Amino acid sequence: MTSSSTGLPGFRTGAIGVTASLIGFLFLVEITSGIIQGYYVPLIPDLVQHLGIHDADFNWFEAAQLLLSAIVVPVLAKLGDMVGHKRMLLISTVLTAAASWWLVAAGDFTSFLIAWALQGFYVVWLPLEVALIFDRGRRTGRAASQTRRAAGLLVVALEAGAIIGALSSGILFDVFGKNVPLTMAVPAVAVTLVFFAILFGVPESSPVPGRKLDVVGFTILTLGLLLITSGLTFLRINGPETWWVWLLVVIGALVFVPFGFYELRQPDPAIDLRVLRQPSMWPVQVTAALIGISLLGAQAPLSTFAGTDPVNGYGLGLGSSSRSILIGVYLLSMIVGALLFPLFSRRSSPRVALIGATFLVALGYALFLPFHAETWQVFVNMFIAGIGSGALVGALPAAAAAAAPRGQTGIAAGLTNTTKTIGGSFASAVFGVVLFQGASAAVTATASSLSGYMTVWAICAGGALVAGVLLFFVPKLAFADATVPVEPAPAPLPTPPL
């Protein structure tokens, strides 16, 4: 493996293939993505006060953003395959920047809700970046391995940005004299600046000409996702006794029946179901959904467990600063996992490394069942689960891109995000119900029962374990580099006669 002059291992600085400069500019994009994800969390109590709303109302912001991301990612990723991934990366950045500046000016619940939802366009950045990197690497015949290494570095940037955002927002809020609009302007400035990094530093991919957008297919897909994700959101808010939330989920699932029949008849479908059902693709997409259970659904329960007063017979009784350290340890473990995954993939195989990562997530959450009484036990459990999660965040879209045919890398990588979001929405709804129903057994007013937390950990461990088993169905040599370059150099021109 060669090293580039810029210090990023495995990426050449030539004009062909994945370059260190490309990874460097995309590194900046993912740092910004991490800042967005980490910056606002410490400010939630202040934002609630600024908007004059209740704490529970903030759940609507998260729900709206998850709903938007589930819908827009497949469309934008497909458009990236059609017209260029850089172009769609720029468009999504403009939309994210506009929404971020809107948050600065928003002073009421409705406008803040709309702006917060629209800021969710940033979720398509990583799938588009993975597709763009894979397209560049395709010219060398080493697209799969280069994309895995690059995705690992991008996850490092993502988690580093989340740490930077979480640590800086509270400090800046005090520096700015508790001025909410001025504090909210910081991520807006970051997104605005990263637009120019993409514009001048990222080369365009090579889309396949003659493609058409399957508007009808995407409309049916959007309807199904809208019904399912909104049903899960209302399930968390209204509770499982509300009959119509289940009706929304069931109708949303049934929408995919006509969607499947329609897509199989299309020459250029919104989602190629023939590709999706291949043994190198469907386990990856299902794994993304199952890992989304713990990755997106379990973090709030873990935080509340750590802060629960031990008078309830469980809990660590940690203050906000100690919980921040716990979250920081989890993010650092994700960085470790993202860096280790390409190394283990090279020593064994990408398939084996993926299986190992899912088993680490399962092990980490399974350890919570017997070991949760001491702070160090919780730290160790989260670190183990974090290593597996960090590896999978970048590895799953990279694996999907490697399994997809040319012209479908963007949509394949984007679907891992959509399925992960659906898994996280399902987990959030179920976990909220489980913990709420167990609250009556607790001593303090805001605590849940230990059995509720045990159920959460068991579901997370079981989902990751099932994902690991499903990955055994993937062919052994899947996601590996091609044995010959996909685009060989042209033959030399014949010498003209004298």
Protein backbone atom coordinates (compact mmCIF):
# COMPACT_ATOMS: atom_id res chain seq x y z
CA MET A 1 0.00 0.00 0.00
CA THR A 2 1.46 3.34 -1.02
CA SER A 3 1.32 6.58 0.90
CA SER A 4 0.48 9.91 -0.58
CA SER A 5 2.54 13.03 -0.05
CA THR A 6 -0.29 14.53 1.95
CA GLY A 7 -0.08 11.83 4.59
CA LEU A 8 -3.28 9.92 3.90
CA PRO A 9 -2.31 6.27 3.47
CA GLY A 10 -3.50 4.32 0.47
CA PHE A 11 -4.57 7.25 -1.72
CA ARG A 12 -2.50 8.46 -4.66
CA THR A 13 -2.20 12.09 -5.65
CA GLY A 14 -2.42 11.38 -9.37
CA ALA A 15 -5.25 12.42 -11.64
CA ILE A 16 -6.76 8.94 -11.79
CA GLY A 17 -8.54 7.21 -8.94
CA VAL A 18 -9.17 8.30 -5.37
CA THR A 19 -6.83 11.12 -4.38
CA ALA A 20 -5.77 12.35 -0.97
CA SER A 21 -7.03 15.84 -1.82
CA LEU A 22 -10.51 14.47 -2.55
CA ILE A 23 -10.61 12.68 0.80
CA GLY A 24 -9.35 15.83 2.50
CA PHE A 25 -12.17 17.99 1.16
CA LEU A 26 -14.79 15.35 1.95
CA PHE A 27 -13.23 15.09 5.42
CA LEU A 28 -14.22 18.73 5.92
CA VAL A 29 -17.77 17.96 4.80
CA GLU A 30 -18.14 15.18 7.37
CA ILE A 31 -16.65 17.30 10.16
CA THR A 32 -19.41 19.80 9.39
CA SER A 33 -21.98 17.00 9.40
CA GLY A 34 -20.73 15.95 12.83
CA ILE A 35 -20.89 19.53 14.11
CA ILE A 36 -24.54 19.71 13.06
CA GLN A 37 -25.32 16.45 14.88
CA GLY A 38 -23.49 17.35 18.09
CA TYR A 39 -23.82 21.12 18.37
CA TYR A 40 -27.50 21.47 19.25
CA VAL A 41 -27.84 18.70 21.86
CA PRO A 42 -26.38 20.66 24.83
CA LEU A 43 -28.49 23.67 23.81
CA ILE A 44 -31.85 21.87 23.93
CA PRO A 45 -32.93 23.28 27.34
CA ASP A 46 -32.02 26.80 26.19
CA LEU A 47 -33.79 26.34 22.85
CA VAL A 48 -36.91 25.15 24.67
CA GLN A 49 -36.86 28.28 26.77
CA HIS A 50 -36.09 30.50 23.77
CA LEU A 51 -39.07 29.14 21.82
CA GLY A 52 -41.40 29.09 24.83
CA ILE A 53 -42.29 25.41 24.44
CA HIS A 54 -42.25 22.30 26.65
CA ASP A 55 -39.41 19.77 26.79
CA ALA A 56 -41.58 17.08 25.18
CA ASP A 57 -42.28 19.36 22.20
CA PHE A 58 -38.65 19.03 21.13
CA ASN A 59 -39.40 15.44 20.10
CA TRP A 60 -41.32 16.85 17.13
CA PHE A 61 -38.13 18.39 15.76
CA GLU A 62 -36.28 15.08 15.80
CA ALA A 63 -39.28 13.25 14.34
CA ALA A 64 -39.66 15.76 11.49
CA GLN A 65 -36.00 15.55 10.56
CA LEU A 66 -35.98 11.73 10.59
CA LEU A 67 -39.11 11.73 8.44
CA LEU A 68 -37.59 14.08 5.88
CA SER A 69 -34.30 12.18 5.73
CA ALA A 70 -36.04 8.85 5.11
CA ILE A 71 -37.87 10.39 2.14
CA VAL A 72 -35.26 12.60 0.46
CA VAL A 73 -32.16 10.39 0.66
CA PRO A 74 -33.27 7.82 -1.97
CA VAL A 75 -34.35 10.57 -4.38
CA LEU A 76 -31.19 12.67 -4.04
CA ALA A 77 -28.96 9.59 -4.18
CA LYS A 78 -30.66 8.41 -7.38
CA LEU A 79 -30.32 11.89 -8.90
CA GLY A 80 -26.64 11.73 -8.02
CA ASP A 81 -26.33 8.55 -10.09
CA MET A 82 -28.09 10.31 -12.95
CA VAL A 83 -26.58 13.80 -13.08
CA GLY A 84 -23.46 13.61 -10.89
CA HIS A 85 -22.88 13.05 -7.19
CA LYS A 86 -20.99 16.31 -6.72
CA ARG A 87 -23.90 18.27 -8.15
CA MET A 88 -26.36 16.72 -5.70
CA LEU A 89 -23.86 17.18 -2.87
CA LEU A 90 -23.78 20.90 -3.67
CA ILE A 91 -27.58 21.15 -3.89
CA SER A 92 -28.09 19.35 -0.57
CA THR A 93 -25.45 21.60 1.03
CA VAL A 94 -27.25 24.73 -0.19
CA LEU A 95 -30.52 23.45 1.25
CA THR A 96 -28.83 22.56 4.55
CA ALA A 97 -27.16 25.97 4.75
CA ALA A 98 -30.45 27.77 4.03
CA ALA A 99 -32.21 25.78 6.75
CA SER A 100 -29.34 26.43 9.19
CA TRP A 101 -29.62 30.19 8.66
CA TRP A 102 -33.39 29.91 9.01
CA LEU A 103 -32.83 28.36 12.45
CA VAL A 104 -30.89 31.48 13.41
CA ALA A 105 -33.89 33.67 12.65
CA ALA A 106 -36.67 31.27 13.74
CA GLY A 107 -38.36 32.45 16.90
CA ASP A 108 -41.52 30.35 17.06
CA PHE A 109 -42.33 26.65 17.14
CA THR A 110 -43.68 26.29 13.59
CA SER A 111 -40.87 28.05 11.74
CA PHE A 112 -38.23 26.33 13.89
CA LEU A 113 -39.86 22.96 13.18
CA ILE A 114 -39.80 23.50 9.41
CA ALA A 115 -36.21 24.76 9.43
CA TRP A 116 -35.04 21.91 11.67
CA ALA A 117 -36.65 19.35 9.34
CA LEU A 118 -35.12 20.92 6.22
CA GLN A 119 -31.69 20.89 7.83
CA GLY A 120 -31.96 17.10 7.58
CA PHE A 121 -30.79 17.27 3.96
CA TYR A 122 -27.26 16.81 5.35
CA VAL A 123 -27.98 13.10 5.90
CA VAL A 124 -27.46 12.43 2.19
CA TRP A 125 -23.88 13.72 2.31
CA LEU A 126 -22.22 10.45 3.36
CA PRO A 127 -24.01 8.23 0.79
CA LEU A 128 -23.17 10.71 -1.99
CA GLU A 129 -19.55 10.88 -0.83
CA VAL A 130 -19.26 7.10 -0.78
CA ALA A 131 -20.71 6.87 -4.30
CA LEU A 132 -18.39 9.62 -5.53
CA ILE A 133 -15.33 7.92 -4.02
CA PHE A 134 -16.35 4.56 -5.47
CA ASP A 135 -16.79 6.12 -8.90
CA ARG A 136 -13.27 7.58 -8.77
CA GLY A 137 -11.78 4.34 -7.50
CA ARG A 138 -13.53 2.33 -10.24
CA ARG A 139 -10.93 3.63 -12.68
CA THR A 140 -8.16 1.80 -10.83
CA GLY A 141 -9.91 -1.53 -10.23
CA ARG A 142 -9.50 -0.98 -6.46
CA ALA A 143 -12.74 0.87 -5.84
CA ALA A 144 -13.98 -1.39 -3.03
CA SER A 145 -10.86 -1.27 -0.85
CA GLN A 146 -10.26 2.43 -1.47
CA THR A 147 -13.87 3.22 -0.59
CA ARG A 148 -13.65 1.23 2.65
CA ARG A 149 -10.53 3.14 3.72
CA ALA A 150 -12.03 6.47 2.71
CA ALA A 151 -15.34 5.72 4.45
CA GLY A 152 -13.44 4.93 7.63
CA LEU A 153 -11.71 8.30 7.51
CA LEU A 154 -15.01 10.05 6.84
CA VAL A 155 -16.56 8.42 9.90
CA VAL A 156 -13.57 9.63 11.93
CA ALA A 157 -14.34 13.14 10.68
CA LEU A 158 -18.04 12.70 11.46
CA GLU A 159 -17.46 11.64 15.05
CA ALA A 160 -14.71 14.23 15.58
CA GLY A 161 -17.11 16.89 14.36
CA ALA A 162 -19.79 15.63 16.76
CA ILE A 163 -17.32 15.91 19.64
CA ILE A 164 -16.28 19.40 18.55
CA GLY A 165 -19.90 20.49 18.23
CA ALA A 166 -20.98 19.07 21.58
CA LEU A 167 -18.04 20.58 23.45
CA SER A 168 -18.12 23.99 21.79
CA SER A 169 -21.81 24.91 21.76
CA GLY A 170 -22.19 25.37 25.52
CA ILE A 171 -18.95 27.32 25.72
CA LEU A 172 -19.91 29.59 22.83
CA PHE A 173 -23.36 30.11 24.32
CA ASP A 174 -21.74 31.56 27.45
CA VAL A 175 -19.18 33.55 25.41
CA PHE A 176 -21.98 35.12 23.35
CA GLY A 177 -23.82 36.15 26.51
CA LYS A 178 -26.49 33.43 26.15
CA ASN A 179 -27.55 34.93 22.83
CA VAL A 180 -29.39 32.10 21.06
CA PRO A 181 -29.39 33.48 17.46
CA LEU A 182 -25.67 34.31 17.61
CA THR A 183 -24.88 30.85 18.97
CA MET A 184 -27.02 29.20 16.30
CA ALA A 185 -25.12 31.05 13.58
CA VAL A 186 -21.95 28.99 14.12
CA PRO A 187 -23.10 25.77 12.38
CA ALA A 188 -24.74 27.90 9.66
CA VAL A 189 -21.37 29.50 8.94
CA ALA A 190 -19.70 26.07 8.89
CA VAL A 191 -22.19 24.68 6.34
CA THR A 192 -21.83 27.79 4.18
CA LEU A 193 -18.04 27.47 4.12
CA VAL A 194 -18.08 23.77 3.32
CA PHE A 195 -20.14 24.54 0.19
CA PHE A 196 -17.07 26.23 -1.27
CA ALA A 197 -14.87 23.31 -0.23
CA ILE A 198 -17.09 21.02 -2.31
CA LEU A 199 -17.35 23.48 -5.19
CA PHE A 200 -13.62 23.99 -5.65
CA GLY A 201 -12.11 20.81 -4.18
CA VAL A 202 -14.34 17.88 -5.16
CA PRO A 203 -14.33 16.53 -8.75
CA GLU A 204 -17.53 15.39 -10.39
CA SER A 205 -18.33 11.71 -10.88
CA SER A 206 -19.11 10.14 -14.26
CA PRO A 207 -22.85 9.44 -14.44
CA VAL A 208 -24.24 6.94 -16.91
CA PRO A 209 -25.97 8.88 -19.74
CA GLY A 210 -29.54 8.32 -20.86
CA ARG A 211 -31.05 7.83 -17.40
CA LYS A 212 -34.58 8.90 -16.45
CA LEU A 213 -36.05 9.61 -13.04
CA ASP A 214 -38.83 7.18 -12.14
CA VAL A 215 -41.21 9.81 -10.78
CA VAL A 216 -44.12 7.42 -10.26
CA GLY A 217 -41.91 4.90 -8.48
CA PHE A 218 -40.44 7.50 -6.16
CA THR A 219 -43.91 8.88 -5.45
CA ILE A 220 -45.14 5.45 -4.33
CA LEU A 221 -41.94 4.92 -2.33
CA THR A 222 -42.31 8.31 -0.64
CA LEU A 223 -45.92 7.56 0.27
CA GLY A 224 -44.97 4.25 1.87
CA LEU A 225 -42.05 5.71 3.82
CA LEU A 226 -44.17 8.69 4.90
CA LEU A 227 -46.89 6.43 6.30
CA ILE A 228 -44.48 4.08 8.10
CA THR A 229 -42.21 6.70 9.65
CA SER A 230 -45.07 9.01 10.63
CA GLY A 231 -46.92 6.06 12.15
CA LEU A 232 -43.87 5.13 14.22
CA THR A 233 -43.49 8.76 15.30
CA PHE A 234 -47.09 9.00 16.46
CA LEU A 235 -46.72 5.62 18.17
CA ARG A 236 -43.97 7.08 20.32
CA ILE A 237 -45.99 10.23 21.05
CA ASN A 238 -49.53 8.87 21.39
CA GLY A 239 -48.75 5.40 22.75
CA PRO A 240 -49.54 1.87 21.54
CA GLU A 241 -53.19 2.04 22.58
CA THR A 242 -53.87 4.52 19.74
CA TRP A 243 -55.30 2.28 17.02
CA TRP A 244 -54.79 4.60 14.06
CA VAL A 245 -50.99 4.72 14.45
CA TRP A 246 -50.88 0.99 13.75
CA LEU A 247 -53.16 1.53 10.76
CA LEU A 248 -50.67 4.03 9.31
CA VAL A 249 -47.80 1.55 9.65
CA VAL A 250 -49.79 -1.33 8.12
CA ILE A 251 -51.01 0.76 5.17
CA GLY A 252 -47.45 2.02 4.63
CA ALA A 253 -46.13 -1.54 4.51
CA LEU A 254 -48.89 -2.59 2.08
CA VAL A 255 -47.96 0.27 -0.26
CA PHE A 256 -44.74 -1.59 -1.06
CA VAL A 257 -46.72 -4.41 -2.72
CA PRO A 258 -47.86 -2.34 -5.73
CA PHE A 259 -44.51 -0.55 -5.59
CA GLY A 260 -42.72 -3.86 -6.15
CA PHE A 261 -44.94 -4.90 -9.06
CA TYR A 262 -44.54 -1.50 -10.70
CA GLU A 263 -40.75 -1.35 -10.28
CA LEU A 264 -40.19 -4.79 -11.79
CA ARG A 265 -41.78 -3.55 -15.04
CA GLN A 266 -39.61 -0.42 -15.34
CA PRO A 267 -36.44 -0.31 -17.48
CA ASP A 268 -34.84 2.24 -15.11
CA PRO A 269 -36.68 1.84 -11.79
CA ALA A 270 -36.40 4.07 -8.76
CA ILE A 271 -35.02 1.07 -6.85
CA ASP A 272 -33.85 -1.94 -8.83
CA LEU A 273 -35.42 -4.78 -6.87
CA ARG A 274 -33.47 -7.34 -8.90
CA VAL A 275 -30.25 -5.86 -7.56
CA LEU A 276 -31.73 -5.47 -4.09
CA ARG A 277 -32.57 -9.18 -3.80
CA GLN A 278 -29.04 -10.33 -4.69
CA PRO A 279 -27.23 -12.16 -1.84
CA SER A 280 -24.53 -9.49 -1.71
CA MET A 281 -27.08 -6.67 -1.29
CA TRP A 282 -30.16 -7.60 0.76
CA PRO A 283 -28.23 -8.70 3.89
CA VAL A 284 -26.42 -5.34 3.88
CA GLN A 285 -29.67 -3.37 3.71
CA VAL A 286 -31.32 -5.48 6.42
CA THR A 287 -28.21 -5.10 8.58
CA ALA A 288 -28.45 -1.32 8.26
CA ALA A 289 -32.03 -1.45 9.55
CA LEU A 290 -31.14 -3.74 12.45
CA ILE A 291 -28.08 -1.69 13.44
CA GLY A 292 -30.23 1.45 13.29
CA ILE A 293 -32.09 0.04 16.30
CA SER A 294 -29.07 0.57 18.56
CA LEU A 295 -27.32 3.32 16.63
CA LEU A 296 -30.28 5.71 16.56
CA GLY A 297 -32.69 4.30 19.11
CA ALA A 298 -30.62 3.33 22.15
CA GLN A 299 -28.62 6.48 22.88
CA ALA A 300 -31.39 8.35 24.73
CA PRO A 301 -32.22 5.33 26.97
CA LEU A 302 -28.51 4.91 27.78
CA SER A 303 -28.23 8.57 28.73
CA THR A 304 -31.31 8.45 30.97
CA PHE A 305 -30.12 5.21 32.59
CA ALA A 306 -26.76 6.80 33.38
CA GLY A 307 -28.52 9.77 34.97
CA THR A 308 -31.09 7.79 36.97
CA ASP A 309 -30.82 8.10 40.74
CA PRO A 310 -29.57 4.78 42.25
CA VAL A 311 -32.34 5.06 44.85
CA ASN A 312 -34.46 3.27 42.25
CA GLY A 313 -32.28 0.18 42.68
CA TYR A 314 -30.39 0.78 39.44
CA GLY A 315 -28.79 3.67 37.56
CA LEU A 316 -25.49 5.47 37.90
CA GLY A 317 -26.69 8.87 39.12
CA LEU A 318 -24.25 10.68 36.80
CA GLY A 319 -24.48 14.43 36.33
CA SER A 320 -24.54 16.15 32.95
CA SER A 321 -20.75 16.53 32.77
CA SER A 322 -20.18 12.84 33.55
CA ARG A 323 -22.78 11.82 31.00
CA SER A 324 -20.97 13.98 28.45
CA ILE A 325 -17.80 12.01 29.18
CA LEU A 326 -19.74 8.78 28.67
CA ILE A 327 -20.98 10.00 25.29
CA GLY A 328 -17.46 11.12 24.44
CA VAL A 329 -16.10 7.64 25.18
CA TYR A 330 -18.75 6.15 22.90
CA LEU A 331 -17.84 8.54 20.08
CA LEU A 332 -14.13 7.80 20.51
CA SER A 333 -14.84 4.07 20.32
CA MET A 334 -16.69 4.66 17.04
CA ILE A 335 -13.59 6.39 15.69
CA VAL A 336 -11.51 3.36 16.71
CA GLY A 337 -13.95 1.04 14.94
CA ALA A 338 -13.95 3.14 11.77
CA LEU A 339 -10.14 3.05 11.62
CA LEU A 340 -9.83 -0.66 12.40
CA PHE A 341 -12.42 -1.91 9.90
CA PRO A 342 -10.30 -1.46 6.73
CA LEU A 343 -7.34 -3.18 8.44
CA PHE A 344 -9.38 -6.23 9.41
CA SER A 345 -11.02 -6.28 5.97
CA ARG A 346 -7.61 -6.51 4.35
CA ARG A 347 -6.35 -9.21 6.75
CA SER A 348 -9.49 -11.37 6.49
CA SER A 349 -12.24 -10.23 4.10
CA PRO A 350 -14.84 -7.44 4.06
CA ARG A 351 -17.57 -9.99 4.77
CA VAL A 352 -15.82 -11.40 7.84
CA ALA A 353 -15.07 -7.88 9.10
CA LEU A 354 -18.73 -6.90 8.75
CA ILE A 355 -19.84 -9.99 10.66
CA GLY A 356 -17.29 -9.26 13.39
CA ALA A 357 -18.52 -5.67 13.71
CA THR A 358 -22.15 -6.74 14.15
CA PHE A 359 -21.13 -9.29 16.78
CA LEU A 360 -19.26 -6.58 18.69
CA VAL A 361 -22.45 -4.50 18.79
CA ALA A 362 -24.38 -7.54 19.98
CA LEU A 363 -21.76 -8.33 22.63
CA GLY A 364 -21.65 -4.76 23.93
CA TYR A 365 -25.39 -4.56 24.50
CA ALA A 366 -25.67 -8.15 25.76
CA LEU A 367 -23.11 -7.32 28.46
CA PHE A 368 -25.54 -4.72 29.80
CA LEU A 369 -27.88 -7.50 30.92
CA PRO A 370 -25.59 -8.87 33.66
CA PHE A 371 -23.20 -5.91 34.03
CA HIS A 372 -24.79 -2.47 34.53
CA ALA A 373 -24.41 -1.71 38.24
CA GLU A 374 -21.03 0.05 38.06
CA THR A 375 -19.95 3.03 36.00
CA TRP A 376 -16.90 1.25 34.60
CA GLN A 377 -19.11 -1.59 33.39
CA VAL A 378 -21.31 0.78 31.41
CA PHE A 379 -18.22 2.46 29.95
CA VAL A 380 -16.78 -0.89 28.83
CA ASN A 381 -20.08 -2.06 27.35
CA MET A 382 -20.53 1.15 25.37
CA PHE A 383 -16.93 1.08 24.17
CA ILE A 384 -17.32 -2.45 22.80
CA ALA A 385 -20.63 -1.61 21.10
CA GLY A 386 -19.15 1.66 19.82
CA ILE A 387 -16.27 -0.09 18.05
CA GLY A 388 -18.72 -2.24 16.11
CA SER A 389 -21.06 0.68 15.41
CA GLY A 390 -18.25 2.92 14.21
CA ALA A 391 -17.07 0.26 11.79
CA LEU A 392 -20.56 -0.23 10.37
CA VAL A 393 -21.44 3.45 9.86
CA GLY A 394 -19.01 3.76 6.95
CA ALA A 395 -18.71 0.08 6.00
CA LEU A 396 -22.37 -0.52 5.19
CA PRO A 397 -22.76 2.19 2.51
CA ALA A 398 -19.33 1.22 1.13
CA ALA A 399 -20.41 -2.44 0.94
CA ALA A 400 -23.69 -1.50 -0.74
CA ALA A 401 -21.82 0.60 -3.31
CA ALA A 402 -19.44 -2.29 -4.01
CA ALA A 403 -22.35 -4.69 -4.54
CA ALA A 404 -24.24 -2.35 -6.88
CA PRO A 405 -23.77 -2.22 -10.66
CA ARG A 406 -22.42 0.91 -12.29
CA GLY A 407 -24.96 3.73 -12.23
CA GLN A 408 -26.60 2.55 -8.99
CA THR A 409 -23.91 3.15 -6.38
CA GLY A 410 -25.56 6.28 -5.01
CA ILE A 411 -29.01 4.78 -4.53
CA ALA A 412 -27.52 1.60 -3.04
CA ALA A 413 -25.48 3.57 -0.51
CA GLY A 414 -28.41 5.89 0.19
CA LEU A 415 -30.77 3.01 0.93
CA THR A 416 -28.55 1.93 3.84
CA ASN A 417 -29.28 5.33 5.37
CA THR A 418 -33.02 5.03 4.74
CA THR A 419 -33.28 1.53 6.20
CA LYS A 420 -31.14 2.62 9.17
CA THR A 421 -33.53 5.53 9.76
CA ILE A 422 -36.55 3.22 9.66
CA GLY A 423 -34.87 0.87 12.13
CA GLY A 424 -34.06 3.79 14.41
CA SER A 425 -37.60 5.16 14.20
CA PHE A 426 -39.03 1.76 15.05
CA ALA A 427 -36.65 1.42 18.00
CA SER A 428 -37.39 4.91 19.31
CA ALA A 429 -41.12 4.19 19.25
CA VAL A 430 -40.83 0.79 20.90
CA PHE A 431 -38.27 1.92 23.48
CA GLY A 432 -40.37 4.93 24.40
CA VAL A 433 -43.40 2.71 25.01
CA VAL A 434 -41.40 0.10 26.96
CA LEU A 435 -39.76 2.64 29.25
CA PHE A 436 -42.95 4.63 29.79
CA GLN A 437 -44.98 1.58 30.76
CA GLY A 438 -42.37 0.62 33.35
CA ALA A 439 -42.28 4.05 34.95
CA SER A 440 -44.88 3.19 37.56
CA ALA A 441 -42.49 0.71 39.18
CA ALA A 442 -39.81 3.34 39.78
CA VAL A 443 -39.23 5.35 42.94
CA THR A 444 -38.46 8.77 41.45
CA ALA A 445 -41.03 10.48 39.26
CA THR A 446 -39.05 10.60 36.01
CA ALA A 447 -37.43 7.16 36.13
CA SER A 448 -38.45 4.01 34.29
CA SER A 449 -38.14 0.42 35.50
CA LEU A 450 -35.02 -1.72 35.23
CA SER A 451 -36.99 -4.31 33.27
CA GLY A 452 -37.69 -1.65 30.64
CA TYR A 453 -33.99 -0.95 30.21
CA MET A 454 -33.23 -4.67 30.12
CA THR A 455 -35.74 -5.01 27.29
CA VAL A 456 -34.05 -2.17 25.37
CA TRP A 457 -30.61 -3.80 25.69
CA ALA A 458 -31.95 -7.21 24.75
CA ILE A 459 -33.59 -5.84 21.59
CA CYS A 460 -30.37 -4.04 20.59
CA ALA A 461 -28.26 -7.15 21.18
CA GLY A 462 -30.74 -9.41 19.41
CA GLY A 463 -31.02 -7.13 16.38
CA ALA A 464 -27.25 -6.97 15.94
CA LEU A 465 -26.94 -10.74 16.40
CA VAL A 466 -29.56 -11.39 13.72
CA ALA A 467 -27.71 -8.98 11.41
CA GLY A 468 -24.47 -10.90 11.92
CA VAL A 469 -26.18 -14.20 11.10
CA LEU A 470 -27.75 -12.75 7.94
CA LEU A 471 -24.35 -11.58 6.72
CA PHE A 472 -23.26 -15.23 6.52
CA PHE A 473 -25.54 -15.45 3.47
CA VAL A 474 -23.30 -12.95 1.66
CA PRO A 475 -20.89 -14.64 -0.79
CA LYS A 476 -17.42 -15.05 0.68
CA LEU A 477 -15.69 -12.85 -1.90
CA ALA A 478 -18.32 -10.09 -1.93
CA PHE A 479 -17.21 -6.44 -1.72
CA ALA A 480 -13.67 -7.33 -2.84
CA ASP A 481 -11.71 -5.46 -5.49
CA ALA A 482 -11.99 -6.51 -9.09
CA THR A 483 -9.20 -8.74 -10.28
CA VAL A 484 -8.62 -6.46 -13.25
CA PRO A 485 -9.25 -2.75 -13.67
CA VAL A 486 -12.79 -1.97 -14.71
CA GLU A 487 -11.60 0.70 -17.14
CA PRO A 488 -8.33 -0.56 -18.72
CA ALA A 489 -6.02 1.88 -20.42
CA PRO A 490 -6.67 2.27 -24.16
CA ALA A 491 -4.41 0.42 -26.58
CA PRO A 492 -1.66 2.50 -28.25
CA LEU A 493 -2.38 3.89 -31.69
CA PRO A 494 -0.75 2.00 -34.60
CA THR A 495 2.41 3.49 -36.04
CA PRO A 496 1.64 5.20 -39.36
CA PRO A 497 3.44 3.75 -42.39
CA LEU A 498 6.49 5.58 -43.72
